[in-house]
Amino acid sequence: MAKQIFPTKGNLLALKKSVKLAELGYDLMDRKRNILIKEMMVQIEKVRHLREEIEYIYKRAYFTLQEANITLGVINDIAKAIPIDNNIDITYRSVMGVEIPKVLYDEDDIKIRYGISSTNTKFDYAYKSFLKVRDLTLVLAEVDNSLYRLANAIRKTRKRANALKNVVIPDYREKIRFISDTLEEREREEFTRRKIIKNNQEKKHIEELNKILD
């Protein structure tokens, strides 16, 4: 591959500039990858605690739902009285160019949105439990999505960094070595040629002097 490029000083200078840019690009990619990995470790720690908590909350919520169903019968009609929650919004923050989502939730005070006469404390407790499930699910969704985006970005960054380190930079260096060796060989040939010409000229000059003196 190195022999496909024409060995000139202009190409040599251009390749030296290119290899410096490639090395700088690799350093930036490596730095970006390390920062993303640190951010990912923070998110992994969050999700570990969340999954432990959410498993307990889900079990408790479904247990209280079963108790409400047992004491009130099937509560589908009662549950329909609770309005859909639309107080959710999503914003993003950038970590080394990776958009990390942030779920914004306008958490209101707990309000009874169903008829008290047709329910009991079991239903109230189930309602509060599922509000907790909602809150934790929002946080878990935020963290899970962040992990997916970070993992994808780390994979791409590692792939590009490896390509620079193992393919692009070695190729540039091989071409630089080829051109440098070719130019040095040419300089040696030119030096030898000039030396021969100089020696011939000196020899001719001496011969001419000898003829004059004779």
Protein backbone atom coordinates (compact mmCIF):
# COMPACT_ATOMS: atom_id res chain seq x y z
CA MET A 1 0.00 0.00 0.00
CA ALA A 2 2.87 2.35 0.82
CA LYS A 3 4.30 2.01 -2.75
CA GLN A 4 1.07 3.33 -4.30
CA ILE A 5 1.86 6.88 -3.20
CA PHE A 6 4.29 9.00 -5.21
CA PRO A 7 7.43 9.69 -3.14
CA THR A 8 7.77 13.46 -3.04
CA LYS A 9 8.63 15.91 -0.28
CA GLY A 10 5.18 17.44 -0.62
CA ASN A 11 3.51 14.08 0.01
CA LEU A 12 5.89 13.43 2.90
CA LEU A 13 4.93 16.71 4.60
CA ALA A 14 1.23 16.03 4.01
CA LEU A 15 1.49 12.53 5.49
CA LYS A 16 3.38 13.79 8.56
CA LYS A 17 0.59 16.30 9.13
CA SER A 18 -2.03 13.58 8.64
CA VAL A 19 -0.39 11.20 11.10
CA LYS A 20 -0.28 13.96 13.75
CA LEU A 21 -3.99 14.62 13.24
CA ALA A 22 -4.73 10.89 13.42
CA GLU A 23 -2.74 10.57 16.67
CA LEU A 24 -4.58 13.57 18.10
CA GLY A 25 -7.87 12.00 17.01
CA TYR A 26 -6.95 8.75 18.75
CA ASP A 27 -6.08 10.59 21.98
CA LEU A 28 -9.42 12.42 21.88
CA MET A 29 -11.31 9.19 21.17
CA ASP A 30 -9.52 7.43 24.01
CA ARG A 31 -10.30 10.32 26.38
CA LYS A 32 -13.94 10.33 25.26
CA ARG A 33 -14.20 6.58 25.80
CA ASN A 34 -12.81 6.85 29.35
CA ILE A 35 -15.22 9.66 30.26
CA LEU A 36 -18.18 7.70 28.84
CA ILE A 37 -17.13 4.59 30.77
CA LYS A 38 -17.00 6.59 34.01
CA GLU A 39 -20.49 7.97 33.32
CA MET A 40 -21.70 4.46 32.53
CA MET A 41 -20.37 3.12 35.84
CA VAL A 42 -22.33 5.83 37.67
CA GLN A 43 -25.51 4.79 35.82
CA ILE A 44 -24.85 1.09 36.48
CA GLU A 45 -24.61 1.78 40.20
CA LYS A 46 -27.91 3.67 40.02
CA VAL A 47 -29.70 0.91 38.16
CA ARG A 48 -28.42 -1.73 40.58
CA HIS A 49 -30.01 0.04 43.54
CA LEU A 50 -33.15 0.83 41.55
CA ARG A 51 -33.74 -2.74 40.47
CA GLU A 52 -33.45 -3.95 44.05
CA GLU A 53 -35.92 -1.33 45.23
CA ILE A 54 -38.33 -1.64 42.33
CA GLU A 55 -38.60 -5.41 42.71
CA TYR A 56 -39.78 -4.95 46.29
CA ILE A 57 -42.13 -2.09 45.37
CA TYR A 58 -43.73 -4.06 42.51
CA LYS A 59 -44.32 -7.08 44.73
CA ARG A 60 -45.87 -4.92 47.42
CA ALA A 61 -48.03 -3.02 44.92
CA TYR A 62 -49.45 -6.18 43.33
CA PHE A 63 -50.04 -7.68 46.76
CA THR A 64 -52.05 -4.62 47.82
CA LEU A 65 -53.93 -4.78 44.49
CA GLN A 66 -54.89 -8.38 45.21
CA GLU A 67 -56.09 -7.38 48.67
CA ALA A 68 -58.20 -4.57 47.16
CA ASN A 69 -59.68 -6.99 44.62
CA ILE A 70 -60.50 -9.49 47.36
CA THR A 71 -62.25 -6.93 49.56
CA LEU A 72 -63.96 -4.92 46.79
CA GLY A 73 -64.28 -7.40 43.95
CA VAL A 74 -62.79 -6.55 40.54
CA ILE A 75 -61.85 -2.87 40.71
CA ASN A 76 -61.48 -2.08 36.99
CA ASP A 77 -64.36 0.39 37.01
CA ILE A 78 -63.01 2.16 40.09
CA ALA A 79 -59.52 2.37 38.58
CA LYS A 80 -60.93 4.01 35.43
CA ALA A 81 -61.91 6.98 37.57
CA ILE A 82 -58.22 7.81 38.05
CA PRO A 83 -57.16 10.16 35.20
CA ILE A 84 -54.17 9.53 32.95
CA ASP A 85 -51.05 11.29 34.21
CA ASN A 86 -49.61 13.63 31.55
CA ASN A 87 -47.15 15.54 33.75
CA ILE A 88 -44.11 13.89 32.19
CA ASP A 89 -41.50 15.61 30.01
CA ILE A 90 -38.03 14.66 28.78
CA THR A 91 -34.94 16.82 28.44
CA TYR A 92 -31.35 15.90 27.59
CA ARG A 93 -27.85 16.64 28.79
CA SER A 94 -24.75 16.09 26.70
CA VAL A 95 -21.83 13.93 27.85
CA MET A 96 -19.05 14.08 25.24
CA GLY A 97 -21.65 14.47 22.51
CA VAL A 98 -23.92 11.69 23.82
CA GLU A 99 -27.44 12.88 24.61
CA ILE A 100 -28.40 11.50 28.03
CA PRO A 101 -32.14 11.72 28.79
CA LYS A 102 -33.55 13.28 31.92
CA VAL A 103 -37.18 12.54 32.80
CA LEU A 104 -38.94 15.54 34.28
CA TYR A 105 -42.03 14.81 36.30
CA ASP A 106 -44.30 17.35 37.90
CA GLU A 107 -45.12 15.44 41.05
CA ASP A 108 -48.33 16.69 42.59
CA ASP A 109 -49.51 16.00 46.10
CA ILE A 110 -51.43 12.75 46.37
CA LYS A 111 -55.10 13.48 45.69
CA ILE A 112 -58.03 11.14 45.96
CA ARG A 113 -59.50 10.96 42.45
CA TYR A 114 -62.10 8.26 43.02
CA GLY A 115 -65.21 7.85 45.11
CA ILE A 116 -64.43 7.20 48.76
CA SER A 117 -67.79 5.57 49.41
CA SER A 118 -67.10 2.75 46.94
CA THR A 119 -63.55 1.98 48.13
CA ASN A 120 -61.70 1.15 51.31
CA THR A 121 -58.25 1.54 52.89
CA LYS A 122 -56.95 -1.48 50.95
CA PHE A 123 -57.64 0.35 47.69
CA ASP A 124 -56.09 3.54 49.05
CA TYR A 125 -52.93 1.66 49.96
CA ALA A 126 -52.81 -0.01 46.52
CA TYR A 127 -53.21 3.40 44.85
CA LYS A 128 -50.33 4.88 46.85
CA SER A 129 -48.18 1.81 46.14
CA PHE A 130 -48.65 2.13 42.39
CA LEU A 131 -47.81 5.82 42.56
CA LYS A 132 -44.47 4.73 44.02
CA VAL A 133 -44.16 2.17 41.21
CA ARG A 134 -44.73 4.95 38.68
CA ASP A 135 -42.03 7.16 40.20
CA LEU A 136 -39.44 4.40 40.29
CA THR A 137 -40.33 3.23 36.77
CA LEU A 138 -39.70 6.73 35.42
CA VAL A 139 -36.27 6.81 37.02
CA LEU A 140 -35.48 3.28 35.84
CA ALA A 141 -36.53 4.12 32.27
CA GLU A 142 -34.26 7.17 32.36
CA VAL A 143 -31.27 5.19 33.62
CA ASP A 144 -31.85 2.20 31.30
CA ASN A 145 -32.05 4.49 28.27
CA SER A 146 -28.92 6.31 29.40
CA LEU A 147 -27.06 3.01 29.71
CA TYR A 148 -28.13 1.96 26.21
CA ARG A 149 -26.97 5.25 24.69
CA LEU A 150 -23.68 5.19 26.59
CA ALA A 151 -22.94 1.55 25.70
CA ASN A 152 -23.66 2.26 22.04
CA ALA A 153 -21.44 5.36 22.06
CA ILE A 154 -18.62 3.50 23.83
CA ARG A 155 -18.78 0.69 21.26
CA LYS A 156 -18.59 3.16 18.35
CA THR A 157 -15.82 5.18 20.00
CA ARG A 158 -13.77 2.04 20.72
CA LYS A 159 -14.22 0.90 17.13
CA ARG A 160 -13.03 4.24 15.73
CA ALA A 161 -10.13 4.45 18.19
CA ASN A 162 -8.99 0.94 17.27
CA ALA A 163 -9.25 1.77 13.57
CA LEU A 164 -7.02 4.81 14.07
CA LYS A 165 -4.53 2.96 16.25
CA ASN A 166 -4.31 -0.30 14.31
CA VAL A 167 -5.04 0.72 10.70
CA VAL A 168 -4.87 4.42 9.88
CA ILE A 169 -1.80 5.47 11.91
CA PRO A 170 0.33 2.40 10.97
CA ASP A 171 -0.59 2.94 7.31
CA TYR A 172 0.50 6.60 7.46
CA ARG A 173 3.73 5.66 9.21
CA GLU A 174 4.47 2.96 6.62
CA LYS A 175 3.95 5.46 3.81
CA ILE A 176 6.15 8.01 5.58
CA ARG A 177 8.87 5.39 5.99
CA PHE A 178 8.60 4.41 2.30
CA ILE A 179 8.83 8.01 1.07
CA SER A 180 11.66 8.88 3.50
CA ASP A 181 13.67 5.83 2.43
CA THR A 182 13.06 6.60 -1.25
CA LEU A 183 14.07 10.24 -0.90
CA GLU A 184 17.18 9.32 1.10
CA GLU A 185 18.15 6.81 -1.58
CA ARG A 186 17.68 9.45 -4.25
CA GLU A 187 19.82 11.89 -2.26
CA ARG A 188 22.60 9.29 -1.96
CA GLU A 189 22.40 8.59 -5.69
CA GLU A 190 22.47 12.32 -6.45
CA PHE A 191 25.43 12.80 -4.10
CA THR A 192 27.31 9.94 -5.77
CA ARG A 193 26.47 11.27 -9.24
CA ARG A 194 27.73 14.76 -8.34
CA LYS A 195 30.90 13.33 -6.80
CA ILE A 196 31.61 11.35 -9.94
CA ILE A 197 31.00 14.41 -12.11
CA LYS A 198 33.25 16.49 -9.88
CA ASN A 199 36.02 13.88 -9.98
CA ASN A 200 35.75 13.64 -13.76
CA GLN A 201 35.90 17.41 -14.07
CA GLU A 202 38.97 17.58 -11.82
CA LYS A 203 40.62 14.77 -13.76
CA LYS A 204 39.89 16.52 -17.03
CA HIS A 205 41.21 19.78 -15.67
CA ILE A 206 44.45 18.10 -14.55
CA GLU A 207 44.86 16.50 -17.96
CA GLU A 208 44.41 19.87 -19.65
CA LEU A 209 47.04 21.45 -17.37
CA ASN A 210 49.46 18.67 -18.10
CA LYS A 211 49.03 19.22 -21.86
CA ILE A 212 49.73 22.92 -21.44
CA LEU A 213 52.82 22.23 -19.37
CA ASP A 214 54.10 19.69 -21.89
